[in-house]
């Protein structure tokens, strides 16, 4: 029911971009944009909550921007998988548990890319944390689309 509702909302706006994007790419972009906004909002909340203090988890210590990245990633991986599975790549022939395993693999690759981009942008280049995350997000989105389309949610044809 929720799936049909979300698809009908997305497809209502599709005629405006039909000439530029195939339906699946449009749905991926729309769902990805929503998930990205959610992730960035949670990241921003984390930055403000940790307020320039390192975060200790057991024997590990995270800088505020890294702790915020990991917290926002937990939410993004759950929401992103559900949107990809049921809205974007619903025609995939792979079983759900295989999709989830592949999605988590892809997610960890994205997380590693994001982590090193943040290290480069924030710690090496001195870019402000949120701006660094925005730039990292753009890089990760490109990798993510192709890995999901051709690996995680592979379709027949």
C-alpha atoms as a PDB file:
ATOM      1  CA  UNK A   1       0.000   0.000   0.000  1.00  0.00           C
ATOM      2  CA  UNK A   2       2.787   2.427   0.919  1.00  0.00           C
ATOM      3  CA  UNK A   3       4.716   1.254  -2.148  1.00  0.00           C
ATOM      4  CA  UNK A   4       1.807   2.089  -4.469  1.00  0.00           C
ATOM      5  CA  UNK A   5       1.303   5.451  -2.772  1.00  0.00           C
ATOM      6  CA  UNK A   6       4.959   6.461  -3.142  1.00  0.00           C
ATOM      7  CA  UNK A   7       5.125   5.274  -6.749  1.00  0.00           C
ATOM      8  CA  UNK A   8       1.970   7.216  -7.638  1.00  0.00           C
ATOM      9  CA  UNK A   9       3.403  10.403  -6.095  1.00  0.00           C
ATOM     10  CA  UNK A  10       6.712   9.973  -7.923  1.00  0.00           C
ATOM     11  CA  UNK A  11       5.052   9.087 -11.214  1.00  0.00           C
ATOM     12  CA  UNK A  12       2.789  12.132 -10.999  1.00  0.00           C
ATOM     13  CA  UNK A  13       5.859  14.345 -11.484  1.00  0.00           C
ATOM     14  CA  UNK A  14       7.583  12.124 -14.047  1.00  0.00           C
ATOM     15  CA  UNK A  15       6.026  13.791 -17.146  1.00  0.00           C
ATOM     16  CA  UNK A  16       8.015  16.945 -16.326  1.00  0.00           C
ATOM     17  CA  UNK A  17      11.344  15.124 -16.807  1.00  0.00           C
ATOM     18  CA  UNK A  18      10.326  12.308 -19.172  1.00  0.00           C
ATOM     19  CA  UNK A  19      12.339  13.803 -22.042  1.00  0.00           C
ATOM     20  CA  UNK A  20      15.535  13.832 -19.966  1.00  0.00           C
ATOM     21  CA  UNK A  21      15.409  10.695 -17.801  1.00  0.00           C
ATOM     22  CA  UNK A  22      14.209   7.116 -18.117  1.00  0.00           C
ATOM     23  CA  UNK A  23      11.628   6.199 -15.448  1.00  0.00           C
ATOM     24  CA  UNK A  24      14.000   4.056 -13.398  1.00  0.00           C
ATOM     25  CA  UNK A  25      16.696   6.744 -13.341  1.00  0.00           C
ATOM     26  CA  UNK A  26      14.101   9.332 -12.344  1.00  0.00           C
ATOM     27  CA  UNK A  27      12.816   7.137  -9.510  1.00  0.00           C
ATOM     28  CA  UNK A  28      16.374   6.473  -8.366  1.00  0.00           C
ATOM     29  CA  UNK A  29      17.134  10.196  -8.397  1.00  0.00           C
ATOM     30  CA  UNK A  30      13.938  11.097  -6.536  1.00  0.00           C
ATOM     31  CA  UNK A  31      14.301   8.371  -3.901  1.00  0.00           C
ATOM     32  CA  UNK A  32      18.018   9.049  -3.615  1.00  0.00           C
ATOM     33  CA  UNK A  33      17.387  12.757  -3.160  1.00  0.00           C
ATOM     34  CA  UNK A  34      14.927  12.084  -0.341  1.00  0.00           C
ATOM     35  CA  UNK A  35      17.287   9.635   1.313  1.00  0.00           C
ATOM     36  CA  UNK A  36      20.231  12.017   0.847  1.00  0.00           C
ATOM     37  CA  UNK A  37      18.314  14.884   2.422  1.00  0.00           C
ATOM     38  CA  UNK A  38      17.403  12.638   5.364  1.00  0.00           C
ATOM     39  CA  UNK A  39      21.049  11.551   5.714  1.00  0.00           C
ATOM     40  CA  UNK A  40      22.362  15.110   5.520  1.00  0.00           C
ATOM     41  CA  UNK A  41      19.805  16.264   8.095  1.00  0.00           C
ATOM     42  CA  UNK A  42      20.836  13.503  10.499  1.00  0.00           C
ATOM     43  CA  UNK A  43      24.501  14.324   9.811  1.00  0.00           C
ATOM     44  CA  UNK A  44      23.817  17.995  10.597  1.00  0.00           C
ATOM     45  CA  UNK A  45      21.992  17.024  13.799  1.00  0.00           C
ATOM     46  CA  UNK A  46      24.964  14.864  14.807  1.00  0.00           C
ATOM     47  CA  UNK A  47      27.420  17.703  14.217  1.00  0.00           C
ATOM     48  CA  UNK A  48      25.370  19.991  16.420  1.00  0.00           C
ATOM     49  CA  UNK A  49      24.770  17.345  19.079  1.00  0.00           C
ATOM     50  CA  UNK A  50      28.457  16.394  19.398  1.00  0.00           C
ATOM     51  CA  UNK A  51      29.415  20.075  19.235  1.00  0.00           C
ATOM     52  CA  UNK A  52      33.134  19.739  18.429  1.00  0.00           C
ATOM     53  CA  UNK A  53      33.686  16.975  20.999  1.00  0.00           C
ATOM     54  CA  UNK A  54      35.177  13.614  20.159  1.00  0.00           C
ATOM     55  CA  UNK A  55      32.841  10.652  20.600  1.00  0.00           C
ATOM     56  CA  UNK A  56      34.100   7.604  22.469  1.00  0.00           C
ATOM     57  CA  UNK A  57      32.504   4.226  21.745  1.00  0.00           C
ATOM     58  CA  UNK A  58      34.250   1.559  23.773  1.00  0.00           C
ATOM     59  CA  UNK A  59      37.947   1.908  22.994  1.00  0.00           C
ATOM     60  CA  UNK A  60      37.316   3.808  19.732  1.00  0.00           C
ATOM     61  CA  UNK A  61      37.291   7.595  19.530  1.00  0.00           C
ATOM     62  CA  UNK A  62      35.585   9.366  16.617  1.00  0.00           C
ATOM     63  CA  UNK A  63      35.860  12.969  15.537  1.00  0.00           C
ATOM     64  CA  UNK A  64      32.420  14.660  15.466  1.00  0.00           C
ATOM     65  CA  UNK A  65      32.144  14.590  11.664  1.00  0.00           C
ATOM     66  CA  UNK A  66      33.006  10.873  11.548  1.00  0.00           C
ATOM     67  CA  UNK A  67      30.572   9.969  14.333  1.00  0.00           C
ATOM     68  CA  UNK A  68      27.861  11.962  12.541  1.00  0.00           C
ATOM     69  CA  UNK A  69      28.675  10.147   9.295  1.00  0.00           C
ATOM     70  CA  UNK A  70      28.274   6.721  10.885  1.00  0.00           C
ATOM     71  CA  UNK A  71      25.021   7.620  12.648  1.00  0.00           C
ATOM     72  CA  UNK A  72      23.455   9.117   9.521  1.00  0.00           C
ATOM     73  CA  UNK A  73      24.638   6.078   7.555  1.00  0.00           C
ATOM     74  CA  UNK A  74      22.639   3.694   9.738  1.00  0.00           C
ATOM     75  CA  UNK A  75      19.433   5.502   8.848  1.00  0.00           C
ATOM     76  CA  UNK A  76      20.394   5.942   5.206  1.00  0.00           C
ATOM     77  CA  UNK A  77      21.186   2.268   4.645  1.00  0.00           C
ATOM     78  CA  UNK A  78      17.798   1.135   5.957  1.00  0.00           C
ATOM     79  CA  UNK A  79      15.714   3.735   4.137  1.00  0.00           C
ATOM     80  CA  UNK A  80      17.835   3.482   0.978  1.00  0.00           C
ATOM     81  CA  UNK A  81      17.500  -0.300   0.740  1.00  0.00           C
ATOM     82  CA  UNK A  82      13.736  -0.217   1.173  1.00  0.00           C
ATOM     83  CA  UNK A  83      13.294   2.542  -1.410  1.00  0.00           C
ATOM     84  CA  UNK A  84      15.616   0.835  -3.889  1.00  0.00           C
ATOM     85  CA  UNK A  85      14.050  -2.595  -3.468  1.00  0.00           C
ATOM     86  CA  UNK A  86      10.391  -1.588  -3.581  1.00  0.00           C
ATOM     87  CA  UNK A  87      10.347   1.642  -5.627  1.00  0.00           C
ATOM     88  CA  UNK A  88      13.359   1.860  -7.944  1.00  0.00           C
ATOM     89  CA  UNK A  89      14.482  -1.670  -8.782  1.00  0.00           C
ATOM     90  CA  UNK A  90      11.298  -3.629  -8.082  1.00  0.00           C
ATOM     91  CA  UNK A  91      11.823  -5.708 -11.247  1.00  0.00           C
ATOM     92  CA  UNK A  92      14.963  -7.378  -9.924  1.00  0.00           C
ATOM     93  CA  UNK A  93      15.018 -11.170 -10.161  1.00  0.00           C
ATOM     94  CA  UNK A  94      17.347 -11.583  -7.183  1.00  0.00           C
ATOM     95  CA  UNK A  95      16.005 -12.849  -3.851  1.00  0.00           C
ATOM     96  CA  UNK A  96      15.602 -10.291  -1.077  1.00  0.00           C
ATOM     97  CA  UNK A  97      18.364 -11.656   1.148  1.00  0.00           C
ATOM     98  CA  UNK A  98      20.825 -11.575  -1.757  1.00  0.00           C
ATOM     99  CA  UNK A  99      19.788  -8.001  -2.552  1.00  0.00           C
ATOM    100  CA  UNK A 100      20.261  -7.026   1.088  1.00  0.00           C
ATOM    101  CA  UNK A 101      23.704  -8.648   1.243  1.00  0.00           C
ATOM    102  CA  UNK A 102      24.769  -6.910  -1.974  1.00  0.00           C
ATOM    103  CA  UNK A 103      23.252  -3.616  -0.822  1.00  0.00           C
ATOM    104  CA  UNK A 104      25.209  -3.784   2.427  1.00  0.00           C
ATOM    105  CA  UNK A 105      28.417  -4.524   0.469  1.00  0.00           C
ATOM    106  CA  UNK A 106      27.717  -1.558  -1.782  1.00  0.00           C
ATOM    107  CA  UNK A 107      26.835   0.538   1.257  1.00  0.00           C
ATOM    108  CA  UNK A 108      30.162  -0.253   2.944  1.00  0.00           C
ATOM    109  CA  UNK A 109      32.028   0.695  -0.229  1.00  0.00           C
ATOM    110  CA  UNK A 110      30.092   3.973  -0.260  1.00  0.00           C
ATOM    111  CA  UNK A 111      30.874   4.485   3.423  1.00  0.00           C
ATOM    112  CA  UNK A 112      34.588   3.918   2.836  1.00  0.00           C
ATOM    113  CA  UNK A 113      34.565   6.338  -0.110  1.00  0.00           C
ATOM    114  CA  UNK A 114      32.640   8.883   1.967  1.00  0.00           C
ATOM    115  CA  UNK A 115      34.971   8.465   4.956  1.00  0.00           C
ATOM    116  CA  UNK A 116      38.125   9.037   2.909  1.00  0.00           C
ATOM    117  CA  UNK A 117      36.546  11.935   1.024  1.00  0.00           C
ATOM    118  CA  UNK A 118      35.680  13.533   4.377  1.00  0.00           C
ATOM    119  CA  UNK A 119      39.235  12.967   5.635  1.00  0.00           C
ATOM    120  CA  UNK A 120      40.562  14.606   2.488  1.00  0.00           C
ATOM    121  CA  UNK A 121      38.124  17.515   2.398  1.00  0.00           C
ATOM    122  CA  UNK A 122      37.841  18.279   6.123  1.00  0.00           C
ATOM    123  CA  UNK A 123      41.113  17.187   7.682  1.00  0.00           C
ATOM    124  CA  UNK A 124      43.536  17.763   4.802  1.00  0.00           C
ATOM    125  CA  UNK A 125      41.973  20.573   2.770  1.00  0.00           C
ATOM    126  CA  UNK A 126      40.329  22.350   5.730  1.00  0.00           C
ATOM    127  CA  UNK A 127      36.850  22.499   4.182  1.00  0.00           C
ATOM    128  CA  UNK A 128      33.992  23.014   6.658  1.00  0.00           C
ATOM    129  CA  UNK A 129      32.469  19.674   7.759  1.00  0.00           C
ATOM    130  CA  UNK A 130      28.987  20.046   6.277  1.00  0.00           C
ATOM    131  CA  UNK A 131      30.332  21.387   2.984  1.00  0.00           C
ATOM    132  CA  UNK A 132      32.791  18.490   2.848  1.00  0.00           C
ATOM    133  CA  UNK A 133      29.923  16.074   3.376  1.00  0.00           C
ATOM    134  CA  UNK A 134      27.934  17.682   0.555  1.00  0.00           C
ATOM    135  CA  UNK A 135      30.860  17.232  -1.851  1.00  0.00           C
ATOM    136  CA  UNK A 136      31.420  13.652  -0.654  1.00  0.00           C
ATOM    137  CA  UNK A 137      27.734  12.894  -1.161  1.00  0.00           C
ATOM    138  CA  UNK A 138      27.914  13.926  -4.817  1.00  0.00           C
ATOM    139  CA  UNK A 139      30.841  11.557  -5.407  1.00  0.00           C
ATOM    140  CA  UNK A 140      29.152   8.676  -3.573  1.00  0.00           C
ATOM    141  CA  UNK A 141      25.855   9.123  -5.455  1.00  0.00           C
ATOM    142  CA  UNK A 142      27.545   8.422  -8.786  1.00  0.00           C
ATOM    143  CA  UNK A 143      29.242   5.266  -7.541  1.00  0.00           C
ATOM    144  CA  UNK A 144      26.091   4.142  -5.742  1.00  0.00           C
ATOM    145  CA  UNK A 145      23.793   4.359  -8.766  1.00  0.00           C
ATOM    146  CA  UNK A 146      25.969   2.174 -10.951  1.00  0.00           C
ATOM    147  CA  UNK A 147      26.713  -0.373  -8.235  1.00  0.00           C
ATOM    148  CA  UNK A 148      23.025  -0.734  -7.398  1.00  0.00           C
ATOM    149  CA  UNK A 149      21.841  -0.897 -10.987  1.00  0.00           C
ATOM    150  CA  UNK A 150      24.437  -3.401 -12.177  1.00  0.00           C
ATOM    151  CA  UNK A 151      25.172  -5.377  -9.004  1.00  0.00           C
ATOM    152  CA  UNK A 152      22.714  -5.087  -6.127  1.00  0.00           C
ATOM    153  CA  UNK A 153      19.382  -5.007  -7.989  1.00  0.00           C
ATOM    154  CA  UNK A 154      20.391  -6.587 -11.297  1.00  0.00           C
ATOM    155  CA  UNK A 155      17.441  -7.048 -13.643  1.00  0.00           C
ATOM    156  CA  UNK A 156      16.838  -9.534 -16.429  1.00  0.00           C
ATOM    157  CA  UNK A 157      17.471  -8.140 -19.873  1.00  0.00           C
END
